[in-house]
Amino acid sequence: MFRNYTKFDVQTIFFMSSIAASELIINNRGAIYHVNCRPEEIADTIITVGDPDRVKEVSKHFDRIEFQNHHREFVTHTGYLGSKRLTVVSTGIGPDNIDIVLNELDALVNIDFETRSIKSKLTSLNIIRVGTCGSLQEDIPVDSFVASTHGLGLDNLLHFYIHGSNEEEKQILHAFNTHTQMHQGVSAPYINGAAASLQKEFVHGFHQGITVTCPGFYGPQGRVLRMGLTQPQLIDRLTSFRFGQHRISNFEMETSAIYGMGKILGHHCLSLSAIVANRISKEFSKDGNAAVEKLIKETLNIISSVR
């Protein structure tokens, strides 16, 4: 319907119209379709985790939990850490699930469910991913942490939305395409930066770098089991990329989608990862759960102190 409209035309049309029941799906209890939450059931600071079982590993540190919900792979707990109200929600794995969760979290705070129209005053959420990843640098060892300066997508999710990049992002992407030539084959990469307001809080104890998001775990991350790969040099190309002070630190399956959609929707996003595999040294963490638990504690400690 909006194929020939600009971003600003689309926003104007949406502000003026009611969103159809087939597009914004609200269930019988007044909750949005997939995550099954009502607007009052989520906080303005949200931690996302891929694994549904990891939600309780975060919320066990809350001083109290006021809301719990489980629908499909989407588990949501909202509660308090001191005076800080927090929500932790599982997304499942991959950019396709991020498309669902980011759209629905945004709808919960920025769409009036009674009128089905976009609110005149928009809310910006703080969205922090806490997950696992594979290191692409030998000096970023297993069990260490990465705070992603950028999310570089090898998936195609953001190409379904009107989006743009700042000058630095354009330059990094141009250099990446020249170096890897991936835009000639399996992907049309895109890139977006982290929210500076969150990034500055996660410096001490965290490696910094570009995080590449892949649309799968095996072939898209250069793993060979029983199928041949069209990109057999993927790991080497990613590891050797440099642009000024920037290098690729790690890869996983959600960050670029979170950063890209968050930027479009006006939210502040940051991705934090525990390294469970180093693809250069071929090591795997002996206790990945302990590394994730340490990352959760450090994240909550920092979040609770930020006003």
C-alpha atoms as a PDB file:
ATOM      1  CA  MET A   1       0.000   0.000   0.000  1.00  0.00           C
ATOM      2  CA  PHE A   2       2.826   2.393   0.855  1.00  0.00           C
ATOM      3  CA  ARG A   3       5.249   1.289  -1.836  1.00  0.00           C
ATOM      4  CA  ASN A   4       5.634   4.727  -3.405  1.00  0.00           C
ATOM      5  CA  TYR A   5       5.438   6.818  -0.222  1.00  0.00           C
ATOM      6  CA  THR A   6       8.323   8.303   1.731  1.00  0.00           C
ATOM      7  CA  LYS A   7       8.918   7.530   5.401  1.00  0.00           C
ATOM      8  CA  PHE A   8       7.313  10.801   6.419  1.00  0.00           C
ATOM      9  CA  ASP A   9       4.239  10.229   4.223  1.00  0.00           C
ATOM     10  CA  VAL A  10       3.735   6.832   5.858  1.00  0.00           C
ATOM     11  CA  GLN A  11       4.054   8.272   9.377  1.00  0.00           C
ATOM     12  CA  THR A  12       1.524  10.999   8.572  1.00  0.00           C
ATOM     13  CA  ILE A  13      -0.972   8.478   7.202  1.00  0.00           C
ATOM     14  CA  PHE A  14      -0.581   6.208  10.229  1.00  0.00           C
ATOM     15  CA  PHE A  15      -1.030   9.060  12.712  1.00  0.00           C
ATOM     16  CA  MET A  16      -4.289   9.982  11.002  1.00  0.00           C
ATOM     17  CA  SER A  17      -5.791   6.502  10.663  1.00  0.00           C
ATOM     18  CA  SER A  18      -6.995   3.607  12.753  1.00  0.00           C
ATOM     19  CA  ILE A  19      -4.915   0.445  12.386  1.00  0.00           C
ATOM     20  CA  ALA A  20      -6.995  -2.491  11.174  1.00  0.00           C
ATOM     21  CA  ALA A  21      -7.674  -5.546  13.338  1.00  0.00           C
ATOM     22  CA  SER A  22      -5.747  -7.747  10.908  1.00  0.00           C
ATOM     23  CA  GLU A  23      -2.604  -5.580  11.284  1.00  0.00           C
ATOM     24  CA  LEU A  24      -2.628  -4.845  15.027  1.00  0.00           C
ATOM     25  CA  ILE A  25      -3.937  -8.042  16.592  1.00  0.00           C
ATOM     26  CA  ILE A  26      -5.263  -7.653  20.137  1.00  0.00           C
ATOM     27  CA  ASN A  27      -6.587 -10.701  21.982  1.00  0.00           C
ATOM     28  CA  ASN A  28      -9.596 -11.057  24.274  1.00  0.00           C
ATOM     29  CA  ARG A  29      -7.749  -9.838  27.363  1.00  0.00           C
ATOM     30  CA  GLY A  30      -6.575  -6.699  25.588  1.00  0.00           C
ATOM     31  CA  ALA A  31      -3.034  -7.984  25.039  1.00  0.00           C
ATOM     32  CA  ILE A  32      -0.973  -7.895  21.868  1.00  0.00           C
ATOM     33  CA  TYR A  33      -0.935 -11.099  19.825  1.00  0.00           C
ATOM     34  CA  HIS A  34       2.433 -12.835  20.266  1.00  0.00           C
ATOM     35  CA  VAL A  35       4.001 -11.586  23.498  1.00  0.00           C
ATOM     36  CA  ASN A  36       0.518 -11.532  25.079  1.00  0.00           C
ATOM     37  CA  CYS A  37       1.112  -8.415  27.176  1.00  0.00           C
ATOM     38  CA  ARG A  38      -1.024  -5.374  27.888  1.00  0.00           C
ATOM     39  CA  PRO A  39       0.554  -1.902  27.884  1.00  0.00           C
ATOM     40  CA  GLU A  40       0.625  -1.638  31.682  1.00  0.00           C
ATOM     41  CA  GLU A  41       2.433  -4.970  31.977  1.00  0.00           C
ATOM     42  CA  ILE A  42       5.790  -3.841  30.566  1.00  0.00           C
ATOM     43  CA  ALA A  43       8.383  -1.369  31.840  1.00  0.00           C
ATOM     44  CA  ASP A  44      10.258   1.306  29.914  1.00  0.00           C
ATOM     45  CA  THR A  45      13.535  -0.570  30.433  1.00  0.00           C
ATOM     46  CA  ILE A  46      13.488  -3.981  28.788  1.00  0.00           C
ATOM     47  CA  ILE A  47      16.029  -6.803  28.768  1.00  0.00           C
ATOM     48  CA  THR A  48      15.688  -9.244  25.891  1.00  0.00           C
ATOM     49  CA  VAL A  49      17.051 -12.791  26.001  1.00  0.00           C
ATOM     50  CA  GLY A  50      16.848 -15.441  23.320  1.00  0.00           C
ATOM     51  CA  ASP A  51      16.228 -18.465  25.531  1.00  0.00           C
ATOM     52  CA  PRO A  52      12.818 -18.572  27.285  1.00  0.00           C
ATOM     53  CA  ASP A  53      14.448 -20.358  30.236  1.00  0.00           C
ATOM     54  CA  ARG A  54      16.846 -17.428  30.691  1.00  0.00           C
ATOM     55  CA  VAL A  55      14.010 -15.072  31.686  1.00  0.00           C
ATOM     56  CA  LYS A  56      13.787 -16.550  35.172  1.00  0.00           C
ATOM     57  CA  GLU A  57      17.578 -16.438  35.446  1.00  0.00           C
ATOM     58  CA  VAL A  58      17.288 -12.654  35.115  1.00  0.00           C
ATOM     59  CA  SER A  59      14.133 -12.077  37.157  1.00  0.00           C
ATOM     60  CA  LYS A  60      15.394 -14.177  40.090  1.00  0.00           C
ATOM     61  CA  HIS A  61      17.551 -11.157  40.906  1.00  0.00           C
ATOM     62  CA  PHE A  62      14.542  -8.801  41.056  1.00  0.00           C
ATOM     63  CA  ASP A  63      13.427  -7.663  44.484  1.00  0.00           C
ATOM     64  CA  ARG A  64       9.854  -8.420  43.481  1.00  0.00           C
ATOM     65  CA  ILE A  65       8.002  -9.623  40.403  1.00  0.00           C
ATOM     66  CA  GLU A  66       4.609  -8.093  39.633  1.00  0.00           C
ATOM     67  CA  PHE A  67       3.778  -9.809  36.333  1.00  0.00           C
ATOM     68  CA  GLN A  68       4.625 -13.147  34.682  1.00  0.00           C
ATOM     69  CA  ASN A  69       3.417 -14.483  31.379  1.00  0.00           C
ATOM     70  CA  HIS A  70       4.279 -17.306  28.964  1.00  0.00           C
ATOM     71  CA  HIS A  71       2.927 -17.522  25.414  1.00  0.00           C
ATOM     72  CA  ARG A  72       4.672 -19.679  22.811  1.00  0.00           C
ATOM     73  CA  GLU A  73       8.425 -18.907  23.072  1.00  0.00           C
ATOM     74  CA  PHE A  74       7.697 -15.478  24.521  1.00  0.00           C
ATOM     75  CA  VAL A  75       8.150 -15.409  28.300  1.00  0.00           C
ATOM     76  CA  THR A  76       7.758 -12.060  30.057  1.00  0.00           C
ATOM     77  CA  HIS A  77       8.511 -11.064  33.655  1.00  0.00           C
ATOM     78  CA  THR A  78       8.115  -7.501  34.942  1.00  0.00           C
ATOM     79  CA  GLY A  79       9.260  -6.402  38.366  1.00  0.00           C
ATOM     80  CA  TYR A  80      11.505  -4.160  40.413  1.00  0.00           C
ATOM     81  CA  LEU A  81      15.193  -4.028  41.230  1.00  0.00           C
ATOM     82  CA  GLY A  82      15.223  -1.465  43.987  1.00  0.00           C
ATOM     83  CA  SER A  83      13.112   1.381  42.610  1.00  0.00           C
ATOM     84  CA  LYS A  84      13.914   0.481  38.995  1.00  0.00           C
ATOM     85  CA  ARG A  85      11.039  -1.151  37.101  1.00  0.00           C
ATOM     86  CA  LEU A  86      12.278  -3.691  34.567  1.00  0.00           C
ATOM     87  CA  THR A  87      10.850  -6.142  32.072  1.00  0.00           C
ATOM     88  CA  VAL A  88      12.689  -9.186  30.781  1.00  0.00           C
ATOM     89  CA  VAL A  89      11.263 -10.905  27.699  1.00  0.00           C
ATOM     90  CA  SER A  90      12.459 -13.843  25.634  1.00  0.00           C
ATOM     91  CA  THR A  91      12.573 -13.375  21.880  1.00  0.00           C
ATOM     92  CA  GLY A  92      13.563 -16.794  20.648  1.00  0.00           C
ATOM     93  CA  ILE A  93      16.405 -17.069  18.160  1.00  0.00           C
ATOM     94  CA  GLY A  94      16.858 -15.037  14.997  1.00  0.00           C
ATOM     95  CA  PRO A  95      15.958 -11.768  13.268  1.00  0.00           C
ATOM     96  CA  ASP A  96      12.454 -12.972  12.347  1.00  0.00           C
ATOM     97  CA  ASN A  97      11.548 -13.226  16.034  1.00  0.00           C
ATOM     98  CA  ILE A  98      13.057  -9.793  16.684  1.00  0.00           C
ATOM     99  CA  ASP A  99      10.680  -8.407  14.046  1.00  0.00           C
ATOM    100  CA  ILE A 100       7.765  -9.694  16.128  1.00  0.00           C
ATOM    101  CA  VAL A 101       9.048  -8.632  19.554  1.00  0.00           C
ATOM    102  CA  LEU A 102      10.302  -5.140  18.624  1.00  0.00           C
ATOM    103  CA  ASN A 103       7.119  -4.279  16.756  1.00  0.00           C
ATOM    104  CA  GLU A 104       4.941  -5.505  19.607  1.00  0.00           C
ATOM    105  CA  LEU A 105       6.943  -3.823  22.369  1.00  0.00           C
ATOM    106  CA  ASP A 106       6.746  -0.575  20.424  1.00  0.00           C
ATOM    107  CA  ALA A 107       3.007  -0.996  19.898  1.00  0.00           C
ATOM    108  CA  LEU A 108       2.497  -1.499  23.631  1.00  0.00           C
ATOM    109  CA  VAL A 109       3.894   1.956  24.417  1.00  0.00           C
ATOM    110  CA  ASN A 110       3.190   3.957  21.268  1.00  0.00           C
ATOM    111  CA  ILE A 111      -0.222   2.816  20.012  1.00  0.00           C
ATOM    112  CA  ASP A 112      -3.504   3.532  21.772  1.00  0.00           C
ATOM    113  CA  PHE A 113      -5.226   0.137  21.915  1.00  0.00           C
ATOM    114  CA  GLU A 114      -8.669   1.728  22.312  1.00  0.00           C
ATOM    115  CA  THR A 115      -8.516   3.914  19.201  1.00  0.00           C
ATOM    116  CA  ARG A 116      -5.938   1.773  17.341  1.00  0.00           C
ATOM    117  CA  SER A 117      -4.040   4.923  16.435  1.00  0.00           C
ATOM    118  CA  ILE A 118      -0.470   6.055  17.029  1.00  0.00           C
ATOM    119  CA  LYS A 119      -0.111   8.263  20.087  1.00  0.00           C
ATOM    120  CA  SER A 120       0.787  11.901  19.573  1.00  0.00           C
ATOM    121  CA  LYS A 121       3.469  11.644  22.285  1.00  0.00           C
ATOM    122  CA  LEU A 122       5.860   8.753  21.669  1.00  0.00           C
ATOM    123  CA  THR A 123       7.832   6.778  24.260  1.00  0.00           C
ATOM    124  CA  SER A 124      11.437   5.676  23.779  1.00  0.00           C
ATOM    125  CA  LEU A 125      12.252   2.366  25.431  1.00  0.00           C
ATOM    126  CA  ASN A 126      15.667   1.265  26.673  1.00  0.00           C
ATOM    127  CA  ILE A 127      16.141  -2.199  25.158  1.00  0.00           C
ATOM    128  CA  ILE A 128      19.176  -4.238  26.215  1.00  0.00           C
ATOM    129  CA  ARG A 129      19.897  -7.649  24.737  1.00  0.00           C
ATOM    130  CA  VAL A 130      21.709 -10.086  27.045  1.00  0.00           C
ATOM    131  CA  GLY A 131      22.843 -13.114  25.091  1.00  0.00           C
ATOM    132  CA  THR A 132      25.623 -15.380  23.904  1.00  0.00           C
ATOM    133  CA  CYS A 133      27.827 -15.247  20.839  1.00  0.00           C
ATOM    134  CA  GLY A 134      30.946 -16.462  19.102  1.00  0.00           C
ATOM    135  CA  SER A 135      34.153 -14.427  19.146  1.00  0.00           C
ATOM    136  CA  LEU A 136      35.848 -13.584  15.858  1.00  0.00           C
ATOM    137  CA  GLN A 137      39.083 -12.297  17.419  1.00  0.00           C
ATOM    138  CA  GLU A 138      41.654 -14.432  19.190  1.00  0.00           C
ATOM    139  CA  ASP A 139      42.187 -11.757  21.848  1.00  0.00           C
ATOM    140  CA  ILE A 140      38.481 -11.827  22.842  1.00  0.00           C
ATOM    141  CA  PRO A 141      38.445 -15.116  24.792  1.00  0.00           C
ATOM    142  CA  VAL A 142      35.619 -17.373  25.890  1.00  0.00           C
ATOM    143  CA  ASP A 143      33.746 -16.209  28.990  1.00  0.00           C
ATOM    144  CA  SER A 144      34.525 -12.531  28.285  1.00  0.00           C
ATOM    145  CA  PHE A 145      31.891  -9.912  27.411  1.00  0.00           C
ATOM    146  CA  VAL A 146      31.230  -7.751  24.351  1.00  0.00           C
ATOM    147  CA  ALA A 147      29.183  -4.548  24.152  1.00  0.00           C
ATOM    148  CA  SER A 148      28.312  -4.120  20.470  1.00  0.00           C
ATOM    149  CA  THR A 149      29.166  -0.708  19.015  1.00  0.00           C
ATOM    150  CA  HIS A 150      27.286  -1.625  15.821  1.00  0.00           C
ATOM    151  CA  GLY A 151      25.047  -4.370  14.524  1.00  0.00           C
ATOM    152  CA  LEU A 152      25.933  -5.430  10.966  1.00  0.00           C
ATOM    153  CA  GLY A 153      23.225  -7.581   9.434  1.00  0.00           C
ATOM    154  CA  LEU A 154      23.778 -10.416   6.977  1.00  0.00           C
ATOM    155  CA  ASP A 155      20.051 -11.123   7.234  1.00  0.00           C
ATOM    156  CA  ASN A 156      17.455  -9.327   5.091  1.00  0.00           C
ATOM    157  CA  LEU A 157      14.993  -8.117   7.740  1.00  0.00           C
ATOM    158  CA  LEU A 158      15.635  -4.387   7.614  1.00  0.00           C
ATOM    159  CA  HIS A 159      15.243  -4.294   3.835  1.00  0.00           C
ATOM    160  CA  PHE A 160      11.492  -4.698   4.366  1.00  0.00           C
ATOM    161  CA  TYR A 161      11.427  -1.314   6.138  1.00  0.00           C
ATOM    162  CA  ILE A 162      12.332   2.221   5.098  1.00  0.00           C
ATOM    163  CA  HIS A 163      15.628   2.893   6.841  1.00  0.00           C
ATOM    164  CA  GLY A 164      18.786   4.948   6.561  1.00  0.00           C
ATOM    165  CA  SER A 165      22.343   5.174   7.868  1.00  0.00           C
ATOM    166  CA  ASN A 166      24.487   8.022   9.142  1.00  0.00           C
ATOM    167  CA  GLU A 167      27.752   8.914   7.396  1.00  0.00           C
ATOM    168  CA  GLU A 168      29.980   6.749   9.587  1.00  0.00           C
ATOM    169  CA  GLU A 169      27.682   3.753   9.130  1.00  0.00           C
ATOM    170  CA  LYS A 170      27.716   4.257   5.358  1.00  0.00           C
ATOM    171  CA  GLN A 171      31.503   4.354   5.322  1.00  0.00           C
ATOM    172  CA  ILE A 172      31.856   1.221   7.464  1.00  0.00           C
ATOM    173  CA  LEU A 173      29.350  -0.622   5.275  1.00  0.00           C
ATOM    174  CA  HIS A 174      31.094   0.441   2.065  1.00  0.00           C
ATOM    175  CA  ALA A 175      34.429  -0.768   3.436  1.00  0.00           C
ATOM    176  CA  PHE A 176      32.848  -4.038   4.586  1.00  0.00           C
ATOM    177  CA  ASN A 177      31.272  -4.712   1.189  1.00  0.00           C
ATOM    178  CA  THR A 178      34.546  -3.947  -0.559  1.00  0.00           C
ATOM    179  CA  HIS A 179      36.445  -6.252   1.793  1.00  0.00           C
ATOM    180  CA  THR A 180      34.046  -9.218   1.852  1.00  0.00           C
ATOM    181  CA  GLN A 181      32.144  -8.842  -1.463  1.00  0.00           C
ATOM    182  CA  MET A 182      29.156 -10.401   0.332  1.00  0.00           C
ATOM    183  CA  HIS A 183      26.793  -7.903  -1.297  1.00  0.00           C
ATOM    184  CA  GLN A 184      27.602  -9.637  -4.592  1.00  0.00           C
ATOM    185  CA  GLY A 185      26.290 -12.971  -3.374  1.00  0.00           C
ATOM    186  CA  VAL A 186      24.188 -14.084  -0.433  1.00  0.00           C
ATOM    187  CA  SER A 187      23.489 -10.806   1.329  1.00  0.00           C
ATOM    188  CA  ALA A 188      22.838  -7.091   1.111  1.00  0.00           C
ATOM    189  CA  PRO A 189      24.418  -6.126   4.452  1.00  0.00           C
ATOM    190  CA  TYR A 190      23.169  -3.228   6.563  1.00  0.00           C
ATOM    191  CA  ILE A 191      24.519  -1.562   9.690  1.00  0.00           C
ATOM    192  CA  ASN A 192      23.324   0.542  12.631  1.00  0.00           C
ATOM    193  CA  GLY A 193      25.052   1.803  15.757  1.00  0.00           C
ATOM    194  CA  ALA A 194      24.221   1.247  19.416  1.00  0.00           C
ATOM    195  CA  ALA A 195      22.568   3.933  21.523  1.00  0.00           C
ATOM    196  CA  ALA A 196      25.370   6.123  22.860  1.00  0.00           C
ATOM    197  CA  SER A 197      23.357   6.785  26.035  1.00  0.00           C
ATOM    198  CA  LEU A 198      23.562   3.075  26.914  1.00  0.00           C
ATOM    199  CA  GLN A 199      26.920   2.244  25.347  1.00  0.00           C
ATOM    200  CA  LYS A 200      28.785   4.657  27.636  1.00  0.00           C
ATOM    201  CA  GLU A 201      27.590   2.759  30.707  1.00  0.00           C
ATOM    202  CA  PHE A 202      29.068  -0.562  29.522  1.00  0.00           C
ATOM    203  CA  VAL A 203      32.773   0.119  29.012  1.00  0.00           C
ATOM    204  CA  HIS A 204      34.699  -1.263  31.982  1.00  0.00           C
ATOM    205  CA  GLY A 205      34.965  -5.053  31.658  1.00  0.00           C
ATOM    206  CA  PHE A 206      33.518  -5.144  28.156  1.00  0.00           C
ATOM    207  CA  HIS A 207      35.228  -5.573  24.798  1.00  0.00           C
ATOM    208  CA  GLN A 208      33.879  -3.214  22.140  1.00  0.00           C
ATOM    209  CA  GLY A 209      33.340  -4.026  18.480  1.00  0.00           C
ATOM    210  CA  ILE A 210      31.037  -4.547  15.534  1.00  0.00           C
ATOM    211  CA  THR A 211      28.697  -7.494  15.955  1.00  0.00           C
ATOM    212  CA  VAL A 212      27.679  -9.354  12.803  1.00  0.00           C
ATOM    213  CA  THR A 213      24.197 -10.851  12.837  1.00  0.00           C
ATOM    214  CA  CYS A 214      23.688 -14.041  10.829  1.00  0.00           C
ATOM    215  CA  PRO A 215      20.358 -15.551   9.682  1.00  0.00           C
ATOM    216  CA  GLY A 216      21.367 -19.017  10.867  1.00  0.00           C
ATOM    217  CA  PHE A 217      23.735 -20.939  13.153  1.00  0.00           C
ATOM    218  CA  TYR A 218      25.477 -23.378  10.832  1.00  0.00           C
ATOM    219  CA  GLY A 219      26.204 -22.377   7.225  1.00  0.00           C
ATOM    220  CA  PRO A 220      25.516 -18.650   7.821  1.00  0.00           C
ATOM    221  CA  GLN A 221      28.165 -18.756  10.573  1.00  0.00           C
ATOM    222  CA  GLY A 222      30.649 -20.764   8.506  1.00  0.00           C
ATOM    223  CA  ARG A 223      30.064 -24.136  10.179  1.00  0.00           C
ATOM    224  CA  VAL A 224      30.460 -27.235   8.019  1.00  0.00           C
ATOM    225  CA  LEU A 225      28.650 -30.453   8.929  1.00  0.00           C
ATOM    226  CA  ARG A 226      27.256 -32.282   5.870  1.00  0.00           C
ATOM    227  CA  MET A 227      26.603 -29.426   3.413  1.00  0.00           C
ATOM    228  CA  GLY A 228      29.095 -27.475   1.383  1.00  0.00           C
ATOM    229  CA  LEU A 229      29.243 -23.700   1.832  1.00  0.00           C
ATOM    230  CA  THR A 230      29.005 -20.912  -0.724  1.00  0.00           C
ATOM    231  CA  GLN A 231      31.060 -18.679   1.620  1.00  0.00           C
ATOM    232  CA  PRO A 232      33.891 -20.955   2.826  1.00  0.00           C
ATOM    233  CA  GLN A 233      36.121 -17.952   3.656  1.00  0.00           C
ATOM    234  CA  LEU A 234      33.467 -16.211   5.778  1.00  0.00           C
ATOM    235  CA  ILE A 235      35.313 -16.405   9.108  1.00  0.00           C
ATOM    236  CA  ASP A 236      38.583 -15.137   7.653  1.00  0.00           C
ATOM    237  CA  ARG A 237      36.869 -12.242   5.877  1.00  0.00           C
ATOM    238  CA  LEU A 238      35.014 -11.143   8.991  1.00  0.00           C
ATOM    239  CA  THR A 239      38.009 -11.507  11.296  1.00  0.00           C
ATOM    240  CA  SER A 240      40.352  -9.547   9.043  1.00  0.00           C
ATOM    241  CA  PHE A 241      38.014  -6.597   8.435  1.00  0.00           C
ATOM    242  CA  ARG A 242      39.200  -3.212   9.706  1.00  0.00           C
ATOM    243  CA  PHE A 243      37.888   0.324   9.272  1.00  0.00           C
ATOM    244  CA  GLY A 244      39.820   2.853  11.308  1.00  0.00           C
ATOM    245  CA  GLN A 245      39.394   1.836  14.943  1.00  0.00           C
ATOM    246  CA  HIS A 246      36.552  -0.521  14.086  1.00  0.00           C
ATOM    247  CA  ARG A 247      36.785  -4.289  13.761  1.00  0.00           C
ATOM    248  CA  ILE A 248      34.331  -7.166  13.938  1.00  0.00           C
ATOM    249  CA  SER A 249      34.415  -8.639  17.423  1.00  0.00           C
ATOM    250  CA  ASN A 250      31.761 -11.342  17.328  1.00  0.00           C
ATOM    251  CA  PHE A 251      28.681 -12.725  15.636  1.00  0.00           C
ATOM    252  CA  GLU A 252      25.260 -13.977  16.718  1.00  0.00           C
ATOM    253  CA  MET A 253      21.657 -13.860  15.453  1.00  0.00           C
ATOM    254  CA  GLU A 254      19.723 -10.818  16.777  1.00  0.00           C
ATOM    255  CA  THR A 255      21.762  -7.637  17.251  1.00  0.00           C
ATOM    256  CA  SER A 256      21.462  -6.007  13.809  1.00  0.00           C
ATOM    257  CA  ALA A 257      17.686  -6.450  13.835  1.00  0.00           C
ATOM    258  CA  ILE A 258      17.390  -4.906  17.308  1.00  0.00           C
ATOM    259  CA  TYR A 259      19.615  -1.958  16.413  1.00  0.00           C
ATOM    260  CA  GLY A 260      17.981  -1.377  13.041  1.00  0.00           C
ATOM    261  CA  MET A 261      14.375  -1.567  14.191  1.00  0.00           C
ATOM    262  CA  GLY A 262      15.160   0.304  17.397  1.00  0.00           C
ATOM    263  CA  LYS A 263      16.639   3.162  15.406  1.00  0.00           C
ATOM    264  CA  ILE A 264      13.627   3.379  13.085  1.00  0.00           C
ATOM    265  CA  LEU A 265      11.179   3.303  15.996  1.00  0.00           C
ATOM    266  CA  GLY A 266      13.136   5.729  18.191  1.00  0.00           C
ATOM    267  CA  HIS A 267      14.236   3.354  20.949  1.00  0.00           C
ATOM    268  CA  HIS A 268      17.625   3.153  22.679  1.00  0.00           C
ATOM    269  CA  CYS A 269      19.227  -0.243  22.107  1.00  0.00           C
ATOM    270  CA  LEU A 270      22.350  -2.057  23.233  1.00  0.00           C
ATOM    271  CA  SER A 271      23.479  -5.649  22.759  1.00  0.00           C
ATOM    272  CA  LEU A 272      25.614  -7.367  25.397  1.00  0.00           C
ATOM    273  CA  SER A 273      27.062 -10.818  24.801  1.00  0.00           C
ATOM    274  CA  ALA A 274      28.932 -13.468  26.734  1.00  0.00           C
ATOM    275  CA  ILE A 275      31.487 -15.233  24.551  1.00  0.00           C
ATOM    276  CA  VAL A 276      30.791 -18.965  24.635  1.00  0.00           C
ATOM    277  CA  ALA A 277      32.849 -19.921  21.569  1.00  0.00           C
ATOM    278  CA  ASN A 278      36.016 -18.523  20.022  1.00  0.00           C
ATOM    279  CA  ARG A 279      35.930 -19.392  16.332  1.00  0.00           C
ATOM    280  CA  ILE A 280      39.599 -18.502  15.839  1.00  0.00           C
ATOM    281  CA  SER A 281      41.130 -20.510  18.693  1.00  0.00           C
ATOM    282  CA  LYS A 282      38.409 -23.191  18.263  1.00  0.00           C
ATOM    283  CA  GLU A 283      37.565 -23.095  21.967  1.00  0.00           C
ATOM    284  CA  PHE A 284      34.161 -23.481  23.627  1.00  0.00           C
ATOM    285  CA  SER A 285      33.353 -22.322  27.136  1.00  0.00           C
ATOM    286  CA  LYS A 286      33.597 -24.989  29.809  1.00  0.00           C
ATOM    287  CA  ASP A 287      30.724 -23.316  31.691  1.00  0.00           C
ATOM    288  CA  GLY A 288      28.698 -21.011  29.469  1.00  0.00           C
ATOM    289  CA  ASN A 289      25.899 -20.780  32.027  1.00  0.00           C
ATOM    290  CA  ALA A 290      28.293 -19.312  34.584  1.00  0.00           C
ATOM    291  CA  ALA A 291      29.467 -16.720  32.057  1.00  0.00           C
ATOM    292  CA  VAL A 292      25.882 -15.736  31.272  1.00  0.00           C
ATOM    293  CA  GLU A 293      25.016 -15.515  34.978  1.00  0.00           C
ATOM    294  CA  LYS A 294      27.978 -13.198  35.516  1.00  0.00           C
ATOM    295  CA  LEU A 295      26.856 -11.042  32.572  1.00  0.00           C
ATOM    296  CA  ILE A 296      23.297 -10.879  33.914  1.00  0.00           C
ATOM    297  CA  LYS A 297      24.496  -9.717  37.339  1.00  0.00           C
ATOM    298  CA  GLU A 298      26.799  -7.082  35.856  1.00  0.00           C
ATOM    299  CA  THR A 299      24.073  -5.829  33.510  1.00  0.00           C
ATOM    300  CA  LEU A 300      21.497  -5.519  36.292  1.00  0.00           C
ATOM    301  CA  ASN A 301      24.005  -3.776  38.542  1.00  0.00           C
ATOM    302  CA  ILE A 302      24.703  -1.165  35.882  1.00  0.00           C
ATOM    303  CA  ILE A 303      21.058  -0.755  34.819  1.00  0.00           C
ATOM    304  CA  SER A 304      19.867  -0.252  38.394  1.00  0.00           C
ATOM    305  CA  SER A 305      22.283   2.651  38.829  1.00  0.00           C
ATOM    306  CA  VAL A 306      21.303   4.462  35.608  1.00  0.00           C
ATOM    307  CA  ARG A 307      18.543   7.067  35.944  1.00  0.00           C
END
